[in-house]
Amino acid sequence: MKFTLKDYQTDAVRDALDNLKRARKDWRSEAYKSAFSLTAITGSGKTVMAAAVFEALFHGDDQFDFDADPGATVIWFSDDPALNEQTRFRLMEASDRLSYTDLVQVDNTFNRATFEAKKIYFLNTQKLSKNSLLVRGYVEEEDAKNGQMFPAIRPDLHSFTIWDTIRNTIEDPDLTLYLVLDEAHRGMGNPTATETNAKAQLFSGSSMDRVVCQVFQ
């Protein structure tokens, strides 16, 4: 870490890591998924605390007696792409072990079979709307019928939807998927239909039935 944690931040990080340790044990022994929350007032340094948690999750931390999860990969989900970009910057600002390439902004060109270990993937509600390429992928018959570009020259062919990537990651025995819902600047009140559907898919959909831990910030 580039910053020295304050006492209350150290306590919060220790609590979060204890929850992750317990969730990891429950998942591996009973396939039981867990959820917990990290709540703090504005200006308390939640992103700094998150950076400390991610460093320990990816690399281990003797101070907190926490062993690294070598297959850990994280989805960070919020309603606002600008907020995601701000969070990415602050994580890099706080951490000396999280690099720019470890913090991946998922865009419409994203096309992977699984997420990579030791990376954080930033998703937002709009990316999970029904018309997003991340969700629908490429349907040749549908696009041809609508007079869209010939498949041979389309630059955005998708072999995997984002739900395929999530499902494949969960089913990979060498990977462990952690989910963070960033509600720090908004709360859960009065969501739009798109937001509701996206969150329902992430938290209750079949593709996420085996996620190890959901963290609500």
C-alpha atoms as a PDB file:
ATOM      1  CA  MET A   1       0.000   0.000   0.000  1.00  0.00           C
ATOM      2  CA  LYS A   2       1.120   3.556  -0.713  1.00  0.00           C
ATOM      3  CA  PHE A   3      -0.792   4.816   2.329  1.00  0.00           C
ATOM      4  CA  THR A   4      -0.633   3.803   5.976  1.00  0.00           C
ATOM      5  CA  LEU A   5      -4.066   2.666   7.071  1.00  0.00           C
ATOM      6  CA  LYS A   6      -5.685   4.463   9.968  1.00  0.00           C
ATOM      7  CA  ASP A   7      -6.792   2.362  12.927  1.00  0.00           C
ATOM      8  CA  TYR A   8     -10.446   2.234  11.890  1.00  0.00           C
ATOM      9  CA  GLN A   9      -9.427   1.341   8.328  1.00  0.00           C
ATOM     10  CA  THR A  10      -7.195  -1.461   9.597  1.00  0.00           C
ATOM     11  CA  ASP A  11     -10.109  -2.812  11.641  1.00  0.00           C
ATOM     12  CA  ALA A  12     -12.442  -2.660   8.638  1.00  0.00           C
ATOM     13  CA  VAL A  13      -9.918  -4.399   6.361  1.00  0.00           C
ATOM     14  CA  ARG A  14      -9.355  -7.122   8.963  1.00  0.00           C
ATOM     15  CA  ASP A  15     -13.117  -7.672   9.251  1.00  0.00           C
ATOM     16  CA  ALA A  16     -13.483  -7.839   5.463  1.00  0.00           C
ATOM     17  CA  LEU A  17     -10.628 -10.323   5.137  1.00  0.00           C
ATOM     18  CA  ASP A  18     -12.045 -12.449   7.960  1.00  0.00           C
ATOM     19  CA  ASN A  19     -15.329 -12.544   6.051  1.00  0.00           C
ATOM     20  CA  LEU A  20     -13.532 -13.480   2.838  1.00  0.00           C
ATOM     21  CA  LYS A  21     -11.544 -16.184   4.604  1.00  0.00           C
ATOM     22  CA  ARG A  22     -14.741 -17.644   6.051  1.00  0.00           C
ATOM     23  CA  ALA A  23     -16.539 -17.359   2.693  1.00  0.00           C
ATOM     24  CA  ARG A  24     -13.683 -19.097   0.896  1.00  0.00           C
ATOM     25  CA  LYS A  25     -13.713 -21.941   3.432  1.00  0.00           C
ATOM     26  CA  ASP A  26     -17.510 -22.309   3.211  1.00  0.00           C
ATOM     27  CA  TRP A  27     -17.361 -22.314  -0.564  1.00  0.00           C
ATOM     28  CA  ARG A  28     -14.651 -24.958  -0.814  1.00  0.00           C
ATOM     29  CA  SER A  29     -16.111 -27.245   1.835  1.00  0.00           C
ATOM     30  CA  GLU A  30     -19.860 -26.806   1.296  1.00  0.00           C
ATOM     31  CA  ALA A  31     -20.211 -24.845  -1.985  1.00  0.00           C
ATOM     32  CA  TYR A  32     -21.964 -22.232   0.158  1.00  0.00           C
ATOM     33  CA  LYS A  33     -21.938 -18.671  -1.139  1.00  0.00           C
ATOM     34  CA  SER A  34     -21.711 -15.693   1.206  1.00  0.00           C
ATOM     35  CA  ALA A  35     -22.378 -11.969   1.258  1.00  0.00           C
ATOM     36  CA  PHE A  36     -21.328  -9.159   3.576  1.00  0.00           C
ATOM     37  CA  SER A  37     -21.223  -5.371   3.565  1.00  0.00           C
ATOM     38  CA  LEU A  38     -18.577  -2.732   4.085  1.00  0.00           C
ATOM     39  CA  THR A  39     -20.258   0.473   5.186  1.00  0.00           C
ATOM     40  CA  ALA A  40     -18.530   3.728   6.083  1.00  0.00           C
ATOM     41  CA  ILE A  41     -19.247   7.446   5.913  1.00  0.00           C
ATOM     42  CA  THR A  42     -18.241   9.584   2.957  1.00  0.00           C
ATOM     43  CA  GLY A  43     -14.567  10.511   3.066  1.00  0.00           C
ATOM     44  CA  SER A  44     -13.562   7.589   5.282  1.00  0.00           C
ATOM     45  CA  GLY A  45     -11.416   6.035   2.552  1.00  0.00           C
ATOM     46  CA  LYS A  46     -13.494   3.060   1.431  1.00  0.00           C
ATOM     47  CA  THR A  47     -11.497   2.743  -1.797  1.00  0.00           C
ATOM     48  CA  VAL A  48      -8.232   2.725   0.164  1.00  0.00           C
ATOM     49  CA  MET A  49      -9.651  -0.043   2.336  1.00  0.00           C
ATOM     50  CA  ALA A  50     -10.782  -1.931  -0.772  1.00  0.00           C
ATOM     51  CA  ALA A  51      -7.276  -1.633  -2.227  1.00  0.00           C
ATOM     52  CA  ALA A  52      -5.820  -3.197   0.921  1.00  0.00           C
ATOM     53  CA  VAL A  53      -8.341  -6.036   0.719  1.00  0.00           C
ATOM     54  CA  PHE A  54      -7.562  -6.718  -2.941  1.00  0.00           C
ATOM     55  CA  GLU A  55      -3.811  -6.685  -2.309  1.00  0.00           C
ATOM     56  CA  ALA A  56      -4.275  -9.310   0.398  1.00  0.00           C
ATOM     57  CA  LEU A  57      -6.696 -11.338  -1.717  1.00  0.00           C
ATOM     58  CA  PHE A  58      -4.299 -11.469  -4.675  1.00  0.00           C
ATOM     59  CA  HIS A  59      -0.933 -11.527  -2.890  1.00  0.00           C
ATOM     60  CA  GLY A  60      -1.558 -12.467   0.743  1.00  0.00           C
ATOM     61  CA  ASP A  61      -0.796 -10.364   3.821  1.00  0.00           C
ATOM     62  CA  ASP A  62       1.138 -11.441   6.919  1.00  0.00           C
ATOM     63  CA  GLN A  63      -0.153  -8.526   8.997  1.00  0.00           C
ATOM     64  CA  PHE A  64      -3.717  -9.766   8.572  1.00  0.00           C
ATOM     65  CA  ASP A  65      -2.745 -13.465   8.594  1.00  0.00           C
ATOM     66  CA  PHE A  66      -4.409 -13.874   5.220  1.00  0.00           C
ATOM     67  CA  ASP A  67      -3.304 -16.305   2.521  1.00  0.00           C
ATOM     68  CA  ALA A  68      -3.602 -15.260  -1.120  1.00  0.00           C
ATOM     69  CA  ASP A  69      -6.214 -16.881  -3.320  1.00  0.00           C
ATOM     70  CA  PRO A  70      -4.180 -17.645  -6.481  1.00  0.00           C
ATOM     71  CA  GLY A  71      -7.329 -18.017  -8.575  1.00  0.00           C
ATOM     72  CA  ALA A  72      -9.148 -14.943  -7.280  1.00  0.00           C
ATOM     73  CA  THR A  73     -10.838 -12.722  -9.850  1.00  0.00           C
ATOM     74  CA  VAL A  74     -13.203  -9.840  -9.053  1.00  0.00           C
ATOM     75  CA  ILE A  75     -16.193  -8.185 -10.707  1.00  0.00           C
ATOM     76  CA  TRP A  76     -16.732  -4.604  -9.506  1.00  0.00           C
ATOM     77  CA  PHE A  77     -20.263  -3.547 -10.451  1.00  0.00           C
ATOM     78  CA  SER A  78     -21.849  -0.091 -10.222  1.00  0.00           C
ATOM     79  CA  ASP A  79     -24.539   1.949 -11.956  1.00  0.00           C
ATOM     80  CA  ASP A  80     -22.130   4.561 -13.296  1.00  0.00           C
ATOM     81  CA  PRO A  81     -19.209   4.045 -15.726  1.00  0.00           C
ATOM     82  CA  ALA A  82     -17.704   7.375 -14.606  1.00  0.00           C
ATOM     83  CA  LEU A  83     -17.743   6.136 -11.012  1.00  0.00           C
ATOM     84  CA  ASN A  84     -16.001   2.939 -12.102  1.00  0.00           C
ATOM     85  CA  GLU A  85     -13.262   4.933 -13.802  1.00  0.00           C
ATOM     86  CA  GLN A  86     -12.857   7.087 -10.701  1.00  0.00           C
ATOM     87  CA  THR A  87     -12.588   3.945  -8.563  1.00  0.00           C
ATOM     88  CA  ARG A  88      -9.955   2.447 -10.882  1.00  0.00           C
ATOM     89  CA  PHE A  89      -7.862   5.594 -10.563  1.00  0.00           C
ATOM     90  CA  ARG A  90      -8.187   5.669  -6.774  1.00  0.00           C
ATOM     91  CA  LEU A  91      -7.259   2.001  -6.448  1.00  0.00           C
ATOM     92  CA  MET A  92      -4.088   2.612  -8.459  1.00  0.00           C
ATOM     93  CA  GLU A  93      -3.416   5.727  -6.407  1.00  0.00           C
ATOM     94  CA  ALA A  94      -3.680   3.755  -3.149  1.00  0.00           C
ATOM     95  CA  SER A  95      -2.000   0.488  -4.095  1.00  0.00           C
ATOM     96  CA  ASP A  96       1.554  -0.314  -5.096  1.00  0.00           C
ATOM     97  CA  ARG A  97       0.604  -3.873  -6.062  1.00  0.00           C
ATOM     98  CA  LEU A  98      -2.366  -3.248  -8.372  1.00  0.00           C
ATOM     99  CA  SER A  99      -1.280  -2.115 -11.823  1.00  0.00           C
ATOM    100  CA  TYR A 100      -3.251  -0.495 -14.619  1.00  0.00           C
ATOM    101  CA  THR A 101      -3.504  -3.824 -16.454  1.00  0.00           C
ATOM    102  CA  ASP A 102      -4.957  -5.485 -13.340  1.00  0.00           C
ATOM    103  CA  LEU A 103      -7.949  -3.107 -13.389  1.00  0.00           C
ATOM    104  CA  VAL A 104      -9.965  -3.882 -16.511  1.00  0.00           C
ATOM    105  CA  GLN A 105     -12.773  -1.663 -17.748  1.00  0.00           C
ATOM    106  CA  VAL A 106     -15.086  -4.092 -19.558  1.00  0.00           C
ATOM    107  CA  ASP A 107     -16.258  -2.565 -22.832  1.00  0.00           C
ATOM    108  CA  ASN A 108     -18.239  -3.866 -25.800  1.00  0.00           C
ATOM    109  CA  THR A 109     -15.150  -5.411 -27.397  1.00  0.00           C
ATOM    110  CA  PHE A 110     -14.539  -7.651 -24.370  1.00  0.00           C
ATOM    111  CA  ASN A 111     -14.509 -11.265 -25.508  1.00  0.00           C
ATOM    112  CA  ARG A 112     -12.954 -13.876 -23.228  1.00  0.00           C
ATOM    113  CA  ALA A 113     -13.866 -17.423 -22.262  1.00  0.00           C
ATOM    114  CA  THR A 114     -13.066 -16.679 -18.594  1.00  0.00           C
ATOM    115  CA  PHE A 115     -11.868 -13.819 -16.465  1.00  0.00           C
ATOM    116  CA  GLU A 116      -8.179 -13.849 -15.548  1.00  0.00           C
ATOM    117  CA  ALA A 117      -6.923 -14.455 -12.029  1.00  0.00           C
ATOM    118  CA  LYS A 118      -5.650 -11.470 -10.018  1.00  0.00           C
ATOM    119  CA  LYS A 119      -7.638  -8.955 -12.032  1.00  0.00           C
ATOM    120  CA  ILE A 120     -10.587  -6.689 -11.207  1.00  0.00           C
ATOM    121  CA  TYR A 121     -13.206  -6.258 -13.941  1.00  0.00           C
ATOM    122  CA  PHE A 122     -15.377  -3.143 -13.879  1.00  0.00           C
ATOM    123  CA  LEU A 123     -18.942  -3.519 -15.138  1.00  0.00           C
ATOM    124  CA  ASN A 124     -21.873  -1.117 -15.089  1.00  0.00           C
ATOM    125  CA  THR A 125     -25.606  -1.385 -15.611  1.00  0.00           C
ATOM    126  CA  GLN A 126     -25.602  -0.087 -19.180  1.00  0.00           C
ATOM    127  CA  LYS A 127     -23.191  -2.814 -20.269  1.00  0.00           C
ATOM    128  CA  LEU A 128     -25.765  -5.411 -19.227  1.00  0.00           C
ATOM    129  CA  SER A 129     -28.737  -3.904 -21.068  1.00  0.00           C
ATOM    130  CA  LYS A 130     -30.506  -6.243 -23.487  1.00  0.00           C
ATOM    131  CA  ASN A 131     -29.043  -4.541 -26.583  1.00  0.00           C
ATOM    132  CA  SER A 132     -25.451  -4.610 -25.389  1.00  0.00           C
ATOM    133  CA  LEU A 133     -23.043  -6.732 -27.415  1.00  0.00           C
ATOM    134  CA  LEU A 134     -21.715  -8.062 -24.123  1.00  0.00           C
ATOM    135  CA  VAL A 135     -25.109  -9.615 -23.430  1.00  0.00           C
ATOM    136  CA  ARG A 136     -26.379 -10.691 -26.812  1.00  0.00           C
ATOM    137  CA  GLY A 137     -23.078 -11.483 -28.494  1.00  0.00           C
ATOM    138  CA  TYR A 138     -23.374 -11.930 -32.236  1.00  0.00           C
ATOM    139  CA  VAL A 139     -26.392 -13.593 -33.784  1.00  0.00           C
ATOM    140  CA  GLU A 140     -25.677 -14.043 -37.497  1.00  0.00           C
ATOM    141  CA  GLU A 141     -29.241 -14.724 -38.632  1.00  0.00           C
ATOM    142  CA  GLU A 142     -30.689 -11.801 -36.690  1.00  0.00           C
ATOM    143  CA  ASP A 143     -28.120  -9.280 -37.920  1.00  0.00           C
ATOM    144  CA  ALA A 144     -28.320 -10.490 -41.517  1.00  0.00           C
ATOM    145  CA  LYS A 145     -32.097 -10.148 -41.415  1.00  0.00           C
ATOM    146  CA  ASN A 146     -31.711  -6.581 -40.176  1.00  0.00           C
ATOM    147  CA  GLY A 147     -29.376  -5.715 -43.038  1.00  0.00           C
ATOM    148  CA  GLN A 148     -26.307  -5.252 -40.880  1.00  0.00           C
ATOM    149  CA  MET A 149     -22.694  -5.719 -41.927  1.00  0.00           C
ATOM    150  CA  PHE A 150     -21.561  -9.004 -43.457  1.00  0.00           C
ATOM    151  CA  PRO A 151     -20.137 -11.377 -40.835  1.00  0.00           C
ATOM    152  CA  ALA A 152     -16.792 -11.694 -42.621  1.00  0.00           C
ATOM    153  CA  ILE A 153     -16.009  -8.023 -42.095  1.00  0.00           C
ATOM    154  CA  ARG A 154     -17.692  -7.361 -38.765  1.00  0.00           C
ATOM    155  CA  PRO A 155     -15.114  -6.080 -36.258  1.00  0.00           C
ATOM    156  CA  ASP A 156     -17.190  -6.983 -33.205  1.00  0.00           C
ATOM    157  CA  LEU A 157     -17.869 -10.720 -33.481  1.00  0.00           C
ATOM    158  CA  HIS A 158     -18.272 -12.178 -30.016  1.00  0.00           C
ATOM    159  CA  SER A 159     -17.569 -15.811 -29.244  1.00  0.00           C
ATOM    160  CA  PHE A 160     -18.749 -15.329 -25.663  1.00  0.00           C
ATOM    161  CA  THR A 161     -21.382 -13.161 -24.022  1.00  0.00           C
ATOM    162  CA  ILE A 162     -20.532 -11.709 -20.609  1.00  0.00           C
ATOM    163  CA  TRP A 163     -22.810 -14.334 -19.057  1.00  0.00           C
ATOM    164  CA  ASP A 164     -20.773 -17.058 -20.788  1.00  0.00           C
ATOM    165  CA  THR A 165     -17.596 -15.548 -19.353  1.00  0.00           C
ATOM    166  CA  ILE A 166     -19.059 -15.400 -15.850  1.00  0.00           C
ATOM    167  CA  ARG A 167     -20.400 -18.956 -16.052  1.00  0.00           C
ATOM    168  CA  ASN A 168     -17.135 -20.347 -17.412  1.00  0.00           C
ATOM    169  CA  THR A 169     -15.166 -18.545 -14.698  1.00  0.00           C
ATOM    170  CA  ILE A 170     -17.356 -19.989 -11.958  1.00  0.00           C
ATOM    171  CA  GLU A 171     -17.081 -23.485 -13.417  1.00  0.00           C
ATOM    172  CA  ASP A 172     -13.290 -23.301 -13.767  1.00  0.00           C
ATOM    173  CA  PRO A 173     -11.832 -25.187 -10.766  1.00  0.00           C
ATOM    174  CA  ASP A 174      -8.722 -22.992 -10.821  1.00  0.00           C
ATOM    175  CA  LEU A 175     -10.637 -19.707 -10.480  1.00  0.00           C
ATOM    176  CA  THR A 176     -12.691 -18.127  -7.693  1.00  0.00           C
ATOM    177  CA  LEU A 177     -15.082 -15.315  -8.569  1.00  0.00           C
ATOM    178  CA  TYR A 178     -15.769 -12.488  -6.099  1.00  0.00           C
ATOM    179  CA  LEU A 179     -18.427  -9.841  -6.730  1.00  0.00           C
ATOM    180  CA  VAL A 180     -18.429  -6.281  -5.394  1.00  0.00           C
ATOM    181  CA  LEU A 181     -21.545  -4.113  -5.698  1.00  0.00           C
ATOM    182  CA  ASP A 182     -20.576  -0.477  -5.319  1.00  0.00           C
ATOM    183  CA  GLU A 183     -23.589   1.373  -3.965  1.00  0.00           C
ATOM    184  CA  ALA A 184     -21.582   3.902  -1.977  1.00  0.00           C
ATOM    185  CA  HIS A 185     -22.842   6.946  -3.899  1.00  0.00           C
ATOM    186  CA  ARG A 186     -26.342   5.820  -4.652  1.00  0.00           C
ATOM    187  CA  GLY A 187     -27.973   3.249  -2.417  1.00  0.00           C
ATOM    188  CA  MET A 188     -30.551   0.716  -3.538  1.00  0.00           C
ATOM    189  CA  GLY A 189     -33.527   3.080  -3.681  1.00  0.00           C
ATOM    190  CA  ASN A 190     -35.613   3.692  -6.809  1.00  0.00           C
ATOM    191  CA  PRO A 191     -33.603   1.682  -9.344  1.00  0.00           C
ATOM    192  CA  THR A 192     -34.564   1.739 -13.006  1.00  0.00           C
ATOM    193  CA  ALA A 193     -35.901  -1.398 -14.689  1.00  0.00           C
ATOM    194  CA  THR A 194     -32.549  -1.928 -16.417  1.00  0.00           C
ATOM    195  CA  GLU A 195     -30.682  -1.629 -13.112  1.00  0.00           C
ATOM    196  CA  THR A 196     -33.094  -3.998 -11.408  1.00  0.00           C
ATOM    197  CA  ASN A 197     -32.761  -6.609 -14.150  1.00  0.00           C
ATOM    198  CA  ALA A 198     -28.973  -6.361 -14.242  1.00  0.00           C
ATOM    199  CA  LYS A 199     -28.638  -6.758 -10.477  1.00  0.00           C
ATOM    200  CA  ALA A 200     -31.153  -9.590 -10.419  1.00  0.00           C
ATOM    201  CA  GLN A 201     -29.107 -11.412 -13.030  1.00  0.00           C
ATOM    202  CA  LEU A 202     -25.871 -10.859 -11.147  1.00  0.00           C
ATOM    203  CA  PHE A 203     -27.174 -11.849  -7.721  1.00  0.00           C
ATOM    204  CA  SER A 204     -29.931 -14.350  -8.467  1.00  0.00           C
ATOM    205  CA  GLY A 205     -29.435 -15.503 -12.042  1.00  0.00           C
ATOM    206  CA  SER A 206     -28.364 -19.027 -12.841  1.00  0.00           C
ATOM    207  CA  SER A 207     -24.972 -17.871 -14.062  1.00  0.00           C
ATOM    208  CA  MET A 208     -24.125 -16.587 -10.573  1.00  0.00           C
ATOM    209  CA  ASP A 209     -25.542 -19.425  -8.493  1.00  0.00           C
ATOM    210  CA  ARG A 210     -22.029 -20.528  -7.607  1.00  0.00           C
ATOM    211  CA  VAL A 211     -20.278 -17.222  -6.939  1.00  0.00           C
ATOM    212  CA  VAL A 212     -18.214 -17.529  -3.783  1.00  0.00           C
ATOM    213  CA  CYS A 213     -18.843 -14.166  -2.188  1.00  0.00           C
ATOM    214  CA  GLN A 214     -20.807 -10.995  -2.826  1.00  0.00           C
ATOM    215  CA  VAL A 215     -19.488  -7.837  -1.189  1.00  0.00           C
ATOM    216  CA  PHE A 216     -21.748  -4.809  -0.924  1.00  0.00           C
ATOM    217  CA  GLN A 217     -19.854  -1.531  -0.517  1.00  0.00           C
END
